[in-house]
Amino acid sequence: MDSQIRANIKPGILVDIVLKKDQKTGILTRGVVRNVLTSAPKHHRGIKVRLENGQIGRVKKNSGNIKVLFELFCD
C-alpha cells in the first residue's frame, strides 16, 4: 500500500517509520500505529504517525498487517 496516502494508514496496523533522529541514516523503526498525526490526505514524505510505544515518525513501509498479527508473533 502507498504510505503517502493517509487513507491507507489506520490505527492498529504494523508499519515501518523513520524517526526524526534517523532521517539522515534512513534507519527504520517497526511498530503499531496508535494515532495518525498528518491531517492532509497525502504527504510526499510519508504520513506522520505515533506508534503504540510513543515514538513519532513518517511511514516508509505499510505492511497492512493488523495489530493482532503483531502481538501473536512479537510478544
Protein backbone atom coordinates (compact mmCIF):
# COMPACT_ATOMS: atom_id res chain seq x y z
CA MET A 1 0.00 0.00 0.00
CA ASP A 2 1.08 3.57 -0.63
CA SER A 3 2.45 5.06 2.61
CA GLN A 4 1.98 8.61 1.30
CA ILE A 5 -1.83 8.38 1.33
CA ARG A 6 -3.49 8.98 4.70
CA ALA A 7 -6.45 6.68 3.95
CA ASN A 8 -4.03 3.72 3.82
CA ILE A 9 -2.71 4.35 7.34
CA LYS A 10 -5.02 3.37 10.19
CA PRO A 11 -4.54 2.76 13.93
CA GLY A 12 -3.63 -0.84 14.68
CA ILE A 13 -1.62 -1.61 11.55
CA LEU A 14 2.04 -2.59 11.50
CA VAL A 15 4.33 -0.03 9.83
CA ASP A 16 7.98 0.89 9.43
CA ILE A 17 8.73 4.54 10.15
CA VAL A 18 11.72 6.84 10.04
CA LEU A 19 12.23 8.75 13.26
CA LYS A 20 13.42 12.37 13.06
CA LYS A 21 16.80 11.39 14.52
CA ASP A 22 17.21 8.67 11.87
CA GLN A 23 16.32 10.74 8.80
CA LYS A 24 19.95 11.01 7.66
CA THR A 25 20.66 7.30 8.00
CA GLY A 26 17.24 6.03 6.93
CA ILE A 27 17.07 3.52 9.79
CA LEU A 28 13.55 2.13 10.05
CA THR A 29 11.63 1.52 13.27
CA ARG A 30 8.80 -1.04 13.25
CA GLY A 31 5.67 -0.62 15.32
CA VAL A 32 1.91 -0.47 15.53
CA VAL A 33 0.12 2.81 14.75
CA ARG A 34 -1.65 4.41 17.71
CA ASN A 35 -2.53 7.76 16.06
CA VAL A 36 -2.30 9.27 12.60
CA LEU A 37 -0.88 12.79 13.03
CA THR A 38 -0.88 14.08 9.44
CA SER A 39 -4.17 15.82 8.65
CA ALA A 40 -3.59 16.19 4.89
CA PRO A 41 -4.95 13.39 2.67
CA LYS A 42 -1.49 12.90 1.11
CA HIS A 43 2.08 13.81 2.05
CA HIS A 44 5.10 13.40 -0.22
CA ARG A 45 7.49 12.45 2.62
CA GLY A 46 5.11 9.96 4.23
CA ILE A 47 2.25 10.15 6.71
CA LYS A 48 3.32 11.10 10.24
CA VAL A 49 2.17 8.70 12.96
CA ARG A 50 2.58 7.97 16.66
CA LEU A 51 3.31 4.33 17.43
CA GLU A 52 1.92 2.38 20.40
CA ASN A 53 5.27 2.88 22.18
CA GLY A 54 5.02 6.69 21.77
CA GLN A 55 7.61 7.12 19.01
CA ILE A 56 6.72 9.55 16.21
CA GLY A 57 7.87 9.38 12.61
CA ARG A 58 6.88 9.20 8.97
CA VAL A 59 5.65 5.93 7.47
CA LYS A 60 8.01 4.45 4.89
CA LYS A 61 6.54 0.96 4.66
CA ASN A 62 2.97 -0.04 5.35
CA SER A 63 2.64 -3.77 5.80
CA GLY A 64 -1.13 -3.56 6.17
CA ASN A 65 -0.96 -6.22 8.90
CA ILE A 66 -3.28 -5.78 11.82
CA LYS A 67 -2.18 -5.44 15.42
CA VAL A 68 -3.33 -8.97 16.27
CA LEU A 69 -0.70 -10.48 13.97
CA PHE A 70 1.99 -8.28 15.51
CA GLU A 71 1.04 -9.42 19.01
CA LEU A 72 0.95 -13.09 18.02
CA PHE A 73 4.46 -13.12 16.58
CA CYS A 74 6.29 -10.46 18.61
CA ASP A 75 5.06 -10.72 22.19
